[in-house]
Amino acid sequence: MHAFVRGEVVLGDSHRIVKKNFKTELWVDGKQLPLNHMMQETLANILAGFTKTLKGIDAVPESIEVKVNKLHRIVDVDAHTYP
């Protein structure tokens, strides 16, 4: 339930205003999953923060794409090497 006080929107106790910086979509097995604004920002900020720690990335990227595919079988690998 929203109320207006002096032209400002006042939200209920369970609602929160977030600053939206990203348009974020999550697709699983070809199906887009619904994300509210808070989850969109959370996911985007996690990925943006992660990429900023990588070599060669100096600023928040304009776009990030991640693709994850399950392997047909589990494989032992050295965690500190590149594929």
PDB file of N, CA and C in Angstrom:
ATOM      1  N   MET A   1       0.846  -1.173   0.000  1.00  0.00           N
ATOM      2  CA  MET A   1       0.000   0.000   0.000  1.00  0.00           C
ATOM      3  C   MET A   1       0.892   1.236   0.000  1.00  0.00           C
ATOM      4  N   HIS A   2       0.628   2.174  -0.898  1.00  0.00           N
ATOM      5  CA  HIS A   2       1.394   3.408  -0.988  1.00  0.00           C
ATOM      6  C   HIS A   2       0.544   4.562  -0.488  1.00  0.00           C
ATOM      7  N   ALA A   3       1.178   5.518   0.145  1.00  0.00           N
ATOM      8  CA  ALA A   3       0.498   6.740   0.564  1.00  0.00           C
ATOM      9  C   ALA A   3       1.308   7.910   0.030  1.00  0.00           C
ATOM     10  N   PHE A   4       0.651   9.018  -0.200  1.00  0.00           N
ATOM     11  CA  PHE A   4       1.332  10.214  -0.678  1.00  0.00           C
ATOM     12  C   PHE A   4       1.353  11.255   0.434  1.00  0.00           C
ATOM     13  N   VAL A   5       2.536  11.764   0.734  1.00  0.00           N
ATOM     14  CA  VAL A   5       2.683  12.812   1.732  1.00  0.00           C
ATOM     15  C   VAL A   5       3.489  13.927   1.103  1.00  0.00           C
ATOM     16  N   ARG A   6       2.883  15.105   0.949  1.00  0.00           N
ATOM     17  CA  ARG A   6       3.543  16.271   0.342  1.00  0.00           C
ATOM     18  C   ARG A   6       4.184  15.930  -0.995  1.00  0.00           C
ATOM     19  N   GLY A   7       3.488  15.156  -1.836  1.00  0.00           N
ATOM     20  CA  GLY A   7       3.970  14.832  -3.168  1.00  0.00           C
ATOM     21  C   GLY A   7       4.970  13.704  -3.239  1.00  0.00           C
ATOM     22  N   GLU A   8       5.358  13.121  -2.104  1.00  0.00           N
ATOM     23  CA  GLU A   8       6.306  12.018  -2.095  1.00  0.00           C
ATOM     24  C   GLU A   8       5.578  10.713  -1.814  1.00  0.00           C
ATOM     25  N   VAL A   9       6.068   9.650  -2.413  1.00  0.00           N
ATOM     26  CA  VAL A   9       5.490   8.328  -2.174  1.00  0.00           C
ATOM     27  C   VAL A   9       6.068   7.777  -0.875  1.00  0.00           C
ATOM     28  N   VAL A  10       5.208   7.348   0.014  1.00  0.00           N
ATOM     29  CA  VAL A  10       5.638   6.711   1.248  1.00  0.00           C
ATOM     30  C   VAL A  10       5.233   5.250   1.151  1.00  0.00           C
ATOM     31  N   LEU A  11       6.202   4.379   1.229  1.00  0.00           N
ATOM     32  CA  LEU A  11       5.950   2.954   1.087  1.00  0.00           C
ATOM     33  C   LEU A  11       5.724   2.321   2.453  1.00  0.00           C
ATOM     34  N   GLY A  12       5.107   1.145   2.434  1.00  0.00           N
ATOM     35  CA  GLY A  12       4.916   0.405   3.677  1.00  0.00           C
ATOM     36  C   GLY A  12       6.248  -0.058   4.246  1.00  0.00           C
ATOM     37  N   ASP A  13       6.221  -0.563   5.466  1.00  0.00           N
ATOM     38  CA  ASP A  13       7.448  -0.980   6.143  1.00  0.00           C
ATOM     39  C   ASP A  13       8.206  -2.080   5.408  1.00  0.00           C
ATOM     40  N   SER A  14       7.503  -2.910   4.637  1.00  0.00           N
ATOM     41  CA  SER A  14       8.160  -4.030   3.960  1.00  0.00           C
ATOM     42  C   SER A  14       8.703  -3.647   2.581  1.00  0.00           C
ATOM     43  N   HIS A  15       8.571  -2.371   2.193  1.00  0.00           N
ATOM     44  CA  HIS A  15       9.043  -1.931   0.882  1.00  0.00           C
ATOM     45  C   HIS A  15      10.267  -1.052   1.030  1.00  0.00           C
ATOM     46  N   ARG A  16      11.083  -1.050  -0.020  1.00  0.00           N
ATOM     47  CA  ARG A  16      12.318  -0.290   0.007  1.00  0.00           C
ATOM     48  C   ARG A  16      12.579   0.276  -1.383  1.00  0.00           C
ATOM     49  N   ILE A  17      13.072   1.492  -1.447  1.00  0.00           N
ATOM     50  CA  ILE A  17      13.461   2.109  -2.718  1.00  0.00           C
ATOM     51  C   ILE A  17      14.911   1.715  -3.010  1.00  0.00           C
ATOM     52  N   VAL A  18      15.188   1.246  -4.217  1.00  0.00           N
ATOM     53  CA  VAL A  18      16.556   0.956  -4.637  1.00  0.00           C
ATOM     54  C   VAL A  18      16.886   1.804  -5.851  1.00  0.00           C
ATOM     55  N   LYS A  19      18.146   2.166  -5.979  1.00  0.00           N
ATOM     56  CA  LYS A  19      18.590   2.902  -7.161  1.00  0.00           C
ATOM     57  C   LYS A  19      18.885   1.889  -8.246  1.00  0.00           C
ATOM     58  N   LYS A  20      18.246   2.059  -9.393  1.00  0.00           N
ATOM     59  CA  LYS A  20      18.374   1.094 -10.486  1.00  0.00           C
ATOM     60  C   LYS A  20      19.472   1.548 -11.433  1.00  0.00           C
ATOM     61  N   ASN A  21      20.529   0.738 -11.556  1.00  0.00           N
ATOM     62  CA  ASN A  21      21.658   1.027 -12.443  1.00  0.00           C
ATOM     63  C   ASN A  21      21.749   0.062 -13.613  1.00  0.00           C
ATOM     64  N   PHE A  22      21.092  -1.087 -13.498  1.00  0.00           N
ATOM     65  CA  PHE A  22      21.239  -2.148 -14.482  1.00  0.00           C
ATOM     66  C   PHE A  22      19.885  -2.717 -14.884  1.00  0.00           C
ATOM     67  N   LYS A  23      19.812  -3.207 -16.119  1.00  0.00           N
ATOM     68  CA  LYS A  23      18.692  -4.041 -16.551  1.00  0.00           C
ATOM     69  C   LYS A  23      19.255  -5.462 -16.541  1.00  0.00           C
ATOM     70  N   THR A  24      18.720  -6.306 -15.699  1.00  0.00           N
ATOM     71  CA  THR A  24      19.284  -7.640 -15.492  1.00  0.00           C
ATOM     72  C   THR A  24      18.238  -8.691 -15.809  1.00  0.00           C
ATOM     73  N   GLU A  25      18.631  -9.702 -16.569  1.00  0.00           N
ATOM     74  CA  GLU A  25      17.759 -10.838 -16.869  1.00  0.00           C
ATOM     75  C   GLU A  25      18.475 -12.111 -16.461  1.00  0.00           C
ATOM     76  N   LEU A  26      17.716 -13.086 -16.004  1.00  0.00           N
ATOM     77  CA  LEU A  26      18.263 -14.390 -15.657  1.00  0.00           C
ATOM     78  C   LEU A  26      17.490 -15.439 -16.437  1.00  0.00           C
ATOM     79  N   TRP A  27      18.213 -16.220 -17.237  1.00  0.00           N
ATOM     80  CA  TRP A  27      17.613 -17.272 -18.067  1.00  0.00           C
ATOM     81  C   TRP A  27      18.151 -18.614 -17.598  1.00  0.00           C
ATOM     82  N   VAL A  28      17.281 -19.580 -17.394  1.00  0.00           N
ATOM     83  CA  VAL A  28      17.668 -20.927 -16.992  1.00  0.00           C
ATOM     84  C   VAL A  28      16.986 -21.915 -17.922  1.00  0.00           C
ATOM     85  N   ASP A  29      17.785 -22.728 -18.600  1.00  0.00           N
ATOM     86  CA  ASP A  29      17.271 -23.712 -19.554  1.00  0.00           C
ATOM     87  C   ASP A  29      16.296 -23.084 -20.555  1.00  0.00           C
ATOM     88  N   GLY A  30      16.665 -21.898 -21.061  1.00  0.00           N
ATOM     89  CA  GLY A  30      15.869 -21.228 -22.077  1.00  0.00           C
ATOM     90  C   GLY A  30      14.642 -20.488 -21.566  1.00  0.00           C
ATOM     91  N   LYS A  31      14.449 -20.470 -20.257  1.00  0.00           N
ATOM     92  CA  LYS A  31      13.278 -19.801 -19.678  1.00  0.00           C
ATOM     93  C   LYS A  31      13.746 -18.610 -18.846  1.00  0.00           C
ATOM     94  N   GLN A  32      13.158 -17.445 -19.117  1.00  0.00           N
ATOM     95  CA  GLN A  32      13.513 -16.266 -18.344  1.00  0.00           C
ATOM     96  C   GLN A  32      12.799 -16.310 -16.993  1.00  0.00           C
ATOM     97  N   LEU A  33      13.575 -16.131 -15.941  1.00  0.00           N
ATOM     98  CA  LEU A  33      13.011 -16.119 -14.602  1.00  0.00           C
ATOM     99  C   LEU A  33      12.715 -14.682 -14.177  1.00  0.00           C
ATOM    100  N   PRO A  34      11.608 -14.460 -13.505  1.00  0.00           N
ATOM    101  CA  PRO A  34      11.284 -13.096 -13.070  1.00  0.00           C
ATOM    102  C   PRO A  34      12.180 -12.662 -11.913  1.00  0.00           C
ATOM    103  N   LEU A  35      12.712 -11.451 -12.014  1.00  0.00           N
ATOM    104  CA  LEU A  35      13.528 -10.868 -10.949  1.00  0.00           C
ATOM    105  C   LEU A  35      12.945  -9.512 -10.589  1.00  0.00           C
ATOM    106  N   ASN A  36      12.676  -9.285  -9.306  1.00  0.00           N
ATOM    107  CA  ASN A  36      12.225  -7.950  -8.925  1.00  0.00           C
ATOM    108  C   ASN A  36      13.411  -6.996  -9.018  1.00  0.00           C
ATOM    109  N   HIS A  37      13.158  -5.703  -8.853  1.00  0.00           N
ATOM    110  CA  HIS A  37      14.224  -4.709  -9.030  1.00  0.00           C
ATOM    111  C   HIS A  37      15.384  -4.935  -8.063  1.00  0.00           C
ATOM    112  N   MET A  38      15.084  -5.298  -6.834  1.00  0.00           N
ATOM    113  CA  MET A  38      16.161  -5.515  -5.862  1.00  0.00           C
ATOM    114  C   MET A  38      17.042  -6.694  -6.273  1.00  0.00           C
ATOM    115  N   MET A  39      16.443  -7.785  -6.736  1.00  0.00           N
ATOM    116  CA  MET A  39      17.231  -8.944  -7.166  1.00  0.00           C
ATOM    117  C   MET A  39      18.028  -8.619  -8.429  1.00  0.00           C
ATOM    118  N   GLN A  40      17.457  -7.831  -9.339  1.00  0.00           N
ATOM    119  CA  GLN A  40      18.195  -7.431 -10.536  1.00  0.00           C
ATOM    120  C   GLN A  40      19.455  -6.656 -10.153  1.00  0.00           C
ATOM    121  N   GLU A  41      19.309  -5.702  -9.254  1.00  0.00           N
ATOM    122  CA  GLU A  41      20.451  -4.893  -8.841  1.00  0.00           C
ATOM    123  C   GLU A  41      21.472  -5.729  -8.065  1.00  0.00           C
ATOM    124  N   THR A  42      20.998  -6.620  -7.210  1.00  0.00           N
ATOM    125  CA  THR A  42      21.896  -7.465  -6.430  1.00  0.00           C
ATOM    126  C   THR A  42      22.742  -8.343  -7.351  1.00  0.00           C
ATOM    127  N   LEU A  43      22.103  -9.045  -8.281  1.00  0.00           N
ATOM    128  CA  LEU A  43      22.820  -9.912  -9.205  1.00  0.00           C
ATOM    129  C   LEU A  43      23.801  -9.115 -10.058  1.00  0.00           C
ATOM    130  N   ALA A  44      23.357  -7.988 -10.583  1.00  0.00           N
ATOM    131  CA  ALA A  44      24.225  -7.160 -11.426  1.00  0.00           C
ATOM    132  C   ALA A  44      25.424  -6.635 -10.649  1.00  0.00           C
ATOM    133  N   ASN A  45      25.215  -6.190  -9.418  1.00  0.00           N
ATOM    134  CA  ASN A  45      26.316  -5.653  -8.617  1.00  0.00           C
ATOM    135  C   ASN A  45      27.313  -6.737  -8.220  1.00  0.00           C
ATOM    136  N   ILE A  46      26.839  -7.949  -7.963  1.00  0.00           N
ATOM    137  CA  ILE A  46      27.750  -9.057  -7.667  1.00  0.00           C
ATOM    138  C   ILE A  46      28.643  -9.320  -8.870  1.00  0.00           C
ATOM    139  N   LEU A  47      28.039  -9.404 -10.063  1.00  0.00           N
ATOM    140  CA  LEU A  47      28.822  -9.688 -11.274  1.00  0.00           C
ATOM    141  C   LEU A  47      29.746  -8.529 -11.628  1.00  0.00           C
ATOM    142  N   ALA A  48      29.262  -7.297 -11.494  1.00  0.00           N
ATOM    143  CA  ALA A  48      30.088  -6.130 -11.798  1.00  0.00           C
ATOM    144  C   ALA A  48      31.269  -6.056 -10.834  1.00  0.00           C
ATOM    145  N   GLY A  49      31.029  -6.297  -9.551  1.00  0.00           N
ATOM    146  CA  GLY A  49      32.108  -6.288  -8.564  1.00  0.00           C
ATOM    147  C   GLY A  49      33.128  -7.376  -8.836  1.00  0.00           C
ATOM    148  N   PHE A  50      32.648  -8.545  -9.219  1.00  0.00           N
ATOM    149  CA  PHE A  50      33.543  -9.655  -9.544  1.00  0.00           C
ATOM    150  C   PHE A  50      34.422  -9.303 -10.745  1.00  0.00           C
ATOM    151  N   THR A  51      33.838  -8.753 -11.797  1.00  0.00           N
ATOM    152  CA  THR A  51      34.621  -8.456 -13.002  1.00  0.00           C
ATOM    153  C   THR A  51      35.650  -7.366 -12.755  1.00  0.00           C
ATOM    154  N   LYS A  52      35.355  -6.412 -11.868  1.00  0.00           N
ATOM    155  CA  LYS A  52      36.316  -5.341 -11.586  1.00  0.00           C
ATOM    156  C   LYS A  52      37.590  -5.868 -10.942  1.00  0.00           C
ATOM    157  N   THR A  53      37.552  -7.066 -10.345  1.00  0.00           N
ATOM    158  CA  THR A  53      38.755  -7.626  -9.724  1.00  0.00           C
ATOM    159  C   THR A  53      39.632  -8.369 -10.726  1.00  0.00           C
ATOM    160  N   LEU A  54      39.139  -8.560 -11.940  1.00  0.00           N
ATOM    161  CA  LEU A  54      39.888  -9.315 -12.947  1.00  0.00           C
ATOM    162  C   LEU A  54      40.891  -8.418 -13.663  1.00  0.00           C
ATOM    163  N   LYS A  55      41.994  -9.001 -14.092  1.00  0.00           N
ATOM    164  CA  LYS A  55      43.007  -8.261 -14.843  1.00  0.00           C
ATOM    165  C   LYS A  55      42.401  -7.766 -16.150  1.00  0.00           C
ATOM    166  N   GLY A  56      42.703  -6.528 -16.496  1.00  0.00           N
ATOM    167  CA  GLY A  56      42.246  -5.968 -17.762  1.00  0.00           C
ATOM    168  C   GLY A  56      40.915  -5.242 -17.670  1.00  0.00           C
ATOM    169  N   ILE A  57      40.267  -5.259 -16.527  1.00  0.00           N
ATOM    170  CA  ILE A  57      38.996  -4.543 -16.350  1.00  0.00           C
ATOM    171  C   ILE A  57      39.249  -3.392 -15.383  1.00  0.00           C
ATOM    172  N   ASP A  58      39.099  -2.157 -15.872  1.00  0.00           N
ATOM    173  CA  ASP A  58      39.394  -0.988 -15.037  1.00  0.00           C
ATOM    174  C   ASP A  58      38.154  -0.280 -14.508  1.00  0.00           C
ATOM    175  N   ALA A  59      37.000  -0.551 -15.110  1.00  0.00           N
ATOM    176  CA  ALA A  59      35.768   0.137 -14.704  1.00  0.00           C
ATOM    177  C   ALA A  59      34.604  -0.837 -14.788  1.00  0.00           C
ATOM    178  N   VAL A  60      33.463  -0.400 -14.292  1.00  0.00           N
ATOM    179  CA  VAL A  60      32.261  -1.232 -14.397  1.00  0.00           C
ATOM    180  C   VAL A  60      31.915  -1.390 -15.875  1.00  0.00           C
ATOM    181  N   PRO A  61      31.807  -2.617 -16.369  1.00  0.00           N
ATOM    182  CA  PRO A  61      31.501  -2.839 -17.778  1.00  0.00           C
ATOM    183  C   PRO A  61      30.087  -2.361 -18.140  1.00  0.00           C
ATOM    184  N   GLU A  62      29.896  -2.028 -19.385  1.00  0.00           N
ATOM    185  CA  GLU A  62      28.563  -1.666 -19.882  1.00  0.00           C
ATOM    186  C   GLU A  62      27.674  -2.897 -19.984  1.00  0.00           C
ATOM    187  N   SER A  63      28.283  -4.042 -20.241  1.00  0.00           N
ATOM    188  CA  SER A  63      27.521  -5.272 -20.440  1.00  0.00           C
ATOM    189  C   SER A  63      28.353  -6.452 -19.943  1.00  0.00           C
ATOM    190  N   ILE A  64      27.681  -7.404 -19.302  1.00  0.00           N
ATOM    191  CA  ILE A  64      28.337  -8.631 -18.833  1.00  0.00           C
ATOM    192  C   ILE A  64      27.488  -9.807 -19.296  1.00  0.00           C
ATOM    193  N   GLU A  65      28.116 -10.794 -19.907  1.00  0.00           N
ATOM    194  CA  GLU A  65      27.408 -12.011 -20.295  1.00  0.00           C
ATOM    195  C   GLU A  65      28.088 -13.195 -19.634  1.00  0.00           C
ATOM    196  N   VAL A  66      27.305 -14.040 -19.009  1.00  0.00           N
ATOM    197  CA  VAL A  66      27.828 -15.245 -18.357  1.00  0.00           C
ATOM    198  C   VAL A  66      27.036 -16.423 -18.890  1.00  0.00           C
ATOM    199  N   LYS A  67      27.729 -17.462 -19.282  1.00  0.00           N
ATOM    200  CA  LYS A  67      27.054 -18.672 -19.743  1.00  0.00           C
ATOM    201  C   LYS A  67      27.574 -19.837 -18.919  1.00  0.00           C
ATOM    202  N   VAL A  68      26.680 -20.577 -18.314  1.00  0.00           N
ATOM    203  CA  VAL A  68      27.042 -21.715 -17.474  1.00  0.00           C
ATOM    204  C   VAL A  68      26.342 -22.949 -18.028  1.00  0.00           C
ATOM    205  N   ASN A  69      27.122 -23.967 -18.331  1.00  0.00           N
ATOM    206  CA  ASN A  69      26.564 -25.236 -18.812  1.00  0.00           C
ATOM    207  C   ASN A  69      27.020 -26.359 -17.896  1.00  0.00           C
ATOM    208  N   LYS A  70      26.101 -27.210 -17.511  1.00  0.00           N
ATOM    209  CA  LYS A  70      26.443 -28.359 -16.680  1.00  0.00           C
ATOM    210  C   LYS A  70      27.225 -29.364 -17.525  1.00  0.00           C
ATOM    211  N   LEU A  71      28.328 -29.872 -16.965  1.00  0.00           N
ATOM    212  CA  LEU A  71      29.104 -30.896 -17.655  1.00  0.00           C
ATOM    213  C   LEU A  71      28.371 -32.226 -17.581  1.00  0.00           C
ATOM    214  N   HIS A  72      28.609 -33.081 -18.553  1.00  0.00           N
ATOM    215  CA  HIS A  72      27.963 -34.395 -18.572  1.00  0.00           C
ATOM    216  C   HIS A  72      28.480 -35.302 -17.470  1.00  0.00           C
ATOM    217  N   ARG A  73      29.714 -35.025 -17.032  1.00  0.00           N
ATOM    218  CA  ARG A  73      30.275 -35.784 -15.922  1.00  0.00           C
ATOM    219  C   ARG A  73      31.207 -34.875 -15.136  1.00  0.00           C
ATOM    220  N   ILE A  74      31.409 -35.176 -13.878  1.00  0.00           N
ATOM    221  CA  ILE A  74      32.297 -34.394 -13.021  1.00  0.00           C
ATOM    222  C   ILE A  74      33.744 -34.660 -13.422  1.00  0.00           C
ATOM    223  N   VAL A  75      34.553 -33.599 -13.471  1.00  0.00           N
ATOM    224  CA  VAL A  75      35.950 -33.689 -13.874  1.00  0.00           C
ATOM    225  C   VAL A  75      36.811 -33.038 -12.795  1.00  0.00           C
ATOM    226  N   ASP A  76      37.919 -33.685 -12.419  1.00  0.00           N
ATOM    227  CA  ASP A  76      38.869 -33.101 -11.478  1.00  0.00           C
ATOM    228  C   ASP A  76      39.807 -32.174 -12.239  1.00  0.00           C
ATOM    229  N   VAL A  77      39.958 -30.937 -11.748  1.00  0.00           N
ATOM    230  CA  VAL A  77      40.834 -29.961 -12.401  1.00  0.00           C
ATOM    231  C   VAL A  77      41.627 -29.209 -11.334  1.00  0.00           C
ATOM    232  N   ASP A  78      42.759 -28.626 -11.747  1.00  0.00           N
ATOM    233  CA  ASP A  78      43.530 -27.747 -10.884  1.00  0.00           C
ATOM    234  C   ASP A  78      42.816 -26.392 -10.878  1.00  0.00           C
ATOM    235  N   ALA A  79      42.354 -25.951  -9.730  1.00  0.00           N
ATOM    236  CA  ALA A  79      41.550 -24.737  -9.619  1.00  0.00           C
ATOM    237  C   ALA A  79      42.305 -23.469 -10.026  1.00  0.00           C
ATOM    238  N   HIS A  80      43.646 -23.509 -10.060  1.00  0.00           N
ATOM    239  CA  HIS A  80      44.433 -22.309 -10.342  1.00  0.00           C
ATOM    240  C   HIS A  80      44.929 -22.228 -11.787  1.00  0.00           C
ATOM    241  N   THR A  81      44.458 -23.116 -12.642  1.00  0.00           N
ATOM    242  CA  THR A  81      44.856 -23.062 -14.042  1.00  0.00           C
ATOM    243  C   THR A  81      43.675 -22.610 -14.879  1.00  0.00           C
ATOM    244  N   TYR A  82      43.962 -22.166 -16.099  1.00  0.00           N
ATOM    245  CA  TYR A  82      42.910 -21.751 -17.025  1.00  0.00           C
ATOM    246  C   TYR A  82      42.561 -22.911 -17.939  1.00  0.00           C
ATOM    247  N   PRO A  83      41.292 -23.013 -18.333  1.00  0.00           N
ATOM    248  CA  PRO A  83      40.908 -24.117 -19.239  1.00  0.00           C
ATOM    249  C   PRO A  83      41.575 -23.995 -20.593  1.00  0.00           C
TER     250      PRO A  83
END
